[in-house]
């Protein structure tokens, strides 16, 4: 049974996030993190991208929690 052992953390690089979980691009776009689709290089971390968009530390933690839930849900749809 394939399973990803690493949960998404706020310190993950955007490049790694998109490589591991390409389905997260739309999720992040809906939350205002547009740098993933504008053609700019994917530099920095999820946390730094959220900070640039004005997210508070609490909002970043919630974003990470929501993102992990989204990834688990998407991976569950792909099984079976």
N, C-alpha and C. Protein backbone atom coordinates (compact mmCIF):
# COMPACT_ATOMS: atom_id res chain seq x y z
N UNK A 1 0.84 -1.18 0.00
CA UNK A 1 0.00 0.00 0.00
C UNK A 1 0.89 1.24 0.00
N UNK A 2 0.90 2.04 -1.08
CA UNK A 2 1.75 3.22 -1.11
C UNK A 2 1.24 4.28 -0.14
N UNK A 3 2.19 4.88 0.60
CA UNK A 3 1.79 5.90 1.55
C UNK A 3 2.94 6.89 1.69
N UNK A 4 2.61 8.14 1.72
CA UNK A 4 3.62 9.17 1.93
C UNK A 4 3.80 9.34 3.43
N UNK A 5 5.03 9.23 3.88
CA UNK A 5 5.29 9.30 5.31
C UNK A 5 5.41 10.74 5.79
N UNK A 6 5.74 11.65 4.91
CA UNK A 6 5.99 13.01 5.32
C UNK A 6 4.73 13.86 5.18
N UNK A 7 4.33 14.45 6.27
CA UNK A 7 3.22 15.39 6.23
C UNK A 7 3.74 16.74 5.74
N UNK A 8 2.86 17.53 5.19
CA UNK A 8 3.23 18.87 4.76
C UNK A 8 3.48 19.72 6.00
N UNK A 9 4.60 20.41 6.00
CA UNK A 9 4.95 21.31 7.10
C UNK A 9 5.15 22.70 6.52
N UNK A 10 5.09 23.70 7.37
CA UNK A 10 5.23 25.08 6.88
C UNK A 10 6.63 25.35 6.36
N UNK A 11 7.58 24.52 6.72
CA UNK A 11 8.95 24.71 6.27
C UNK A 11 9.25 24.03 4.94
N UNK A 12 8.26 23.35 4.35
CA UNK A 12 8.47 22.68 3.06
C UNK A 12 8.70 23.74 1.98
N UNK A 13 9.63 23.47 1.07
CA UNK A 13 9.84 24.41 -0.03
C UNK A 13 8.66 24.30 -0.99
N UNK A 14 8.34 25.39 -1.64
CA UNK A 14 7.26 25.37 -2.61
C UNK A 14 7.56 24.38 -3.73
N UNK A 15 8.82 24.32 -4.14
CA UNK A 15 9.20 23.38 -5.20
C UNK A 15 8.91 21.94 -4.79
N UNK A 16 9.28 21.57 -3.58
CA UNK A 16 9.05 20.21 -3.11
C UNK A 16 7.55 19.95 -2.93
N UNK A 17 6.82 20.93 -2.41
CA UNK A 17 5.38 20.77 -2.23
C UNK A 17 4.69 20.45 -3.55
N UNK A 18 5.01 21.22 -4.59
CA UNK A 18 4.38 21.02 -5.89
C UNK A 18 4.84 19.71 -6.53
N UNK A 19 6.09 19.34 -6.29
CA UNK A 19 6.59 18.07 -6.84
C UNK A 19 5.90 16.88 -6.17
N UNK A 20 5.78 16.92 -4.85
CA UNK A 20 5.16 15.81 -4.12
C UNK A 20 3.64 15.78 -4.27
N UNK A 21 3.04 16.96 -4.27
CA UNK A 21 1.58 17.07 -4.24
C UNK A 21 1.11 18.11 -5.27
N UNK A 22 1.17 17.78 -6.54
CA UNK A 22 0.79 18.77 -7.57
C UNK A 22 -0.64 19.25 -7.43
N UNK A 23 -1.50 18.45 -6.81
CA UNK A 23 -2.89 18.85 -6.64
C UNK A 23 -3.05 20.02 -5.66
N UNK A 24 -2.00 20.39 -4.95
CA UNK A 24 -2.11 21.48 -3.98
C UNK A 24 -2.04 22.86 -4.64
N UNK A 25 -1.66 22.94 -5.90
CA UNK A 25 -1.55 24.24 -6.57
C UNK A 25 -2.89 24.97 -6.53
N UNK A 26 -3.95 24.31 -6.94
CA UNK A 26 -5.27 24.93 -6.92
C UNK A 26 -5.72 25.30 -5.52
N UNK A 27 -5.44 24.43 -4.56
CA UNK A 27 -5.79 24.68 -3.16
C UNK A 27 -5.16 25.98 -2.69
N UNK A 28 -3.88 26.16 -3.00
CA UNK A 28 -3.17 27.36 -2.57
C UNK A 28 -3.63 28.60 -3.34
N UNK A 29 -3.88 28.44 -4.63
CA UNK A 29 -4.38 29.56 -5.42
C UNK A 29 -5.67 30.11 -4.84
N UNK A 30 -6.55 29.23 -4.40
CA UNK A 30 -7.82 29.65 -3.81
C UNK A 30 -7.62 30.44 -2.53
N UNK A 31 -6.47 30.30 -1.91
CA UNK A 31 -6.17 31.00 -0.66
C UNK A 31 -5.24 32.19 -0.87
N UNK A 32 -5.05 32.57 -2.13
CA UNK A 32 -4.29 33.78 -2.43
C UNK A 32 -2.81 33.59 -2.64
N UNK A 33 -2.33 32.36 -2.60
CA UNK A 33 -0.91 32.11 -2.83
C UNK A 33 -0.75 31.81 -4.31
N UNK A 34 -0.61 32.89 -5.08
CA UNK A 34 -0.64 32.80 -6.54
C UNK A 34 0.74 32.57 -7.15
N UNK A 35 1.77 32.71 -6.39
CA UNK A 35 3.12 32.62 -6.94
C UNK A 35 3.38 31.27 -7.60
N UNK A 36 2.54 30.30 -7.29
CA UNK A 36 2.74 28.97 -7.86
C UNK A 36 2.36 28.90 -9.33
N UNK A 37 1.57 29.85 -9.81
CA UNK A 37 1.06 29.76 -11.18
C UNK A 37 1.45 30.96 -12.04
N UNK A 38 2.18 31.89 -11.48
CA UNK A 38 2.44 33.11 -12.23
C UNK A 38 3.71 33.04 -13.06
N UNK A 39 4.39 31.90 -13.03
CA UNK A 39 5.58 31.74 -13.84
C UNK A 39 6.87 32.12 -13.14
N UNK A 40 6.77 32.63 -11.92
CA UNK A 40 7.99 32.95 -11.17
C UNK A 40 8.60 31.66 -10.65
N UNK A 41 9.89 31.67 -10.39
CA UNK A 41 10.52 30.48 -9.82
C UNK A 41 9.89 30.14 -8.47
N UNK A 42 9.85 28.87 -8.16
CA UNK A 42 9.28 28.43 -6.89
C UNK A 42 10.36 28.46 -5.82
N UNK A 43 10.57 29.63 -5.26
CA UNK A 43 11.58 29.79 -4.22
C UNK A 43 10.90 30.01 -2.90
N UNK A 44 11.57 29.60 -1.85
CA UNK A 44 11.05 29.85 -0.52
C UNK A 44 10.19 28.70 -0.02
N UNK A 45 9.67 28.93 1.16
CA UNK A 45 8.88 27.91 1.83
C UNK A 45 7.40 28.27 1.77
N UNK A 46 6.59 27.32 2.12
CA UNK A 46 5.16 27.57 2.24
C UNK A 46 4.91 28.70 3.24
N UNK A 47 5.63 28.68 4.33
CA UNK A 47 5.48 29.72 5.35
C UNK A 47 5.84 31.09 4.81
N UNK A 48 6.96 31.20 4.09
CA UNK A 48 7.35 32.51 3.58
C UNK A 48 6.38 33.03 2.53
N UNK A 49 5.84 32.12 1.70
CA UNK A 49 4.85 32.53 0.70
C UNK A 49 3.59 33.05 1.38
N UNK A 50 3.16 32.37 2.44
CA UNK A 50 1.97 32.81 3.16
C UNK A 50 2.23 34.14 3.87
N UNK A 51 3.42 34.30 4.44
CA UNK A 51 3.76 35.56 5.09
C UNK A 51 3.72 36.72 4.10
N UNK A 52 4.21 36.49 2.89
CA UNK A 52 4.20 37.52 1.87
C UNK A 52 2.78 37.94 1.50
N UNK A 53 1.83 37.05 1.69
CA UNK A 53 0.42 37.33 1.40
C UNK A 53 -0.32 37.87 2.63
N UNK A 54 0.41 38.10 3.72
CA UNK A 54 -0.19 38.71 4.90
C UNK A 54 -0.79 37.76 5.91
N UNK A 55 -0.51 36.47 5.79
CA UNK A 55 -1.03 35.50 6.75
C UNK A 55 -0.36 35.70 8.10
N UNK A 56 -1.13 35.61 9.18
CA UNK A 56 -0.58 35.65 10.53
C UNK A 56 -0.01 34.26 10.86
N UNK A 57 0.79 34.17 11.92
CA UNK A 57 1.30 32.84 12.31
C UNK A 57 0.17 31.83 12.55
N UNK A 58 -0.92 32.27 13.16
CA UNK A 58 -2.05 31.38 13.40
C UNK A 58 -2.70 30.95 12.09
N UNK A 59 -2.82 31.88 11.15
CA UNK A 59 -3.40 31.55 9.85
C UNK A 59 -2.51 30.59 9.07
N UNK A 60 -1.20 30.73 9.23
CA UNK A 60 -0.27 29.81 8.56
C UNK A 60 -0.43 28.41 9.14
N UNK A 61 -0.53 28.32 10.45
CA UNK A 61 -0.73 27.01 11.08
C UNK A 61 -2.04 26.38 10.60
N UNK A 62 -3.09 27.18 10.47
CA UNK A 62 -4.37 26.67 9.99
C UNK A 62 -4.26 26.23 8.53
N UNK A 63 -3.54 27.02 7.73
CA UNK A 63 -3.31 26.68 6.33
C UNK A 63 -2.63 25.32 6.22
N UNK A 64 -1.61 25.09 7.03
CA UNK A 64 -0.89 23.82 7.01
C UNK A 64 -1.81 22.68 7.42
N UNK A 65 -2.62 22.89 8.46
CA UNK A 65 -3.57 21.86 8.88
C UNK A 65 -4.56 21.55 7.75
N UNK A 66 -5.11 22.60 7.14
CA UNK A 66 -6.07 22.42 6.05
C UNK A 66 -5.42 21.73 4.86
N UNK A 67 -4.19 22.10 4.57
CA UNK A 67 -3.47 21.52 3.44
C UNK A 67 -3.22 20.03 3.66
N UNK A 68 -2.85 19.66 4.88
CA UNK A 68 -2.65 18.25 5.19
C UNK A 68 -3.95 17.47 5.05
N UNK A 69 -5.05 18.05 5.49
CA UNK A 69 -6.34 17.39 5.33
C UNK A 69 -6.69 17.22 3.86
N UNK A 70 -6.42 18.24 3.07
CA UNK A 70 -6.69 18.19 1.63
C UNK A 70 -5.86 17.09 0.97
N UNK A 71 -4.58 17.02 1.31
CA UNK A 71 -3.69 16.01 0.72
C UNK A 71 -4.18 14.60 1.10
N UNK A 72 -4.53 14.40 2.37
CA UNK A 72 -5.03 13.08 2.80
C UNK A 72 -6.30 12.72 2.04
N UNK A 73 -7.19 13.70 1.88
CA UNK A 73 -8.44 13.45 1.15
C UNK A 73 -8.17 13.09 -0.31
N UNK A 74 -7.26 13.83 -0.96
CA UNK A 74 -6.95 13.56 -2.35
C UNK A 74 -6.27 12.21 -2.52
N UNK A 75 -5.38 11.86 -1.61
CA UNK A 75 -4.71 10.57 -1.69
C UNK A 75 -5.69 9.43 -1.45
N UNK A 76 -6.67 9.65 -0.58
CA UNK A 76 -7.70 8.65 -0.32
C UNK A 76 -8.55 8.38 -1.54
N UNK A 77 -8.80 9.42 -2.33
CA UNK A 77 -9.59 9.27 -3.56
C UNK A 77 -8.83 8.45 -4.60
N UNK A 78 -7.50 8.49 -4.53
CA UNK A 78 -6.70 7.78 -5.51
C UNK A 78 -6.50 6.31 -5.18
N UNK A 79 -6.88 5.90 -3.97
CA UNK A 79 -6.70 4.50 -3.58
C UNK A 79 -7.94 3.70 -3.88
N UNK A 80 -7.73 2.39 -4.05
CA UNK A 80 -8.87 1.49 -4.18
C UNK A 80 -9.26 1.38 -5.57
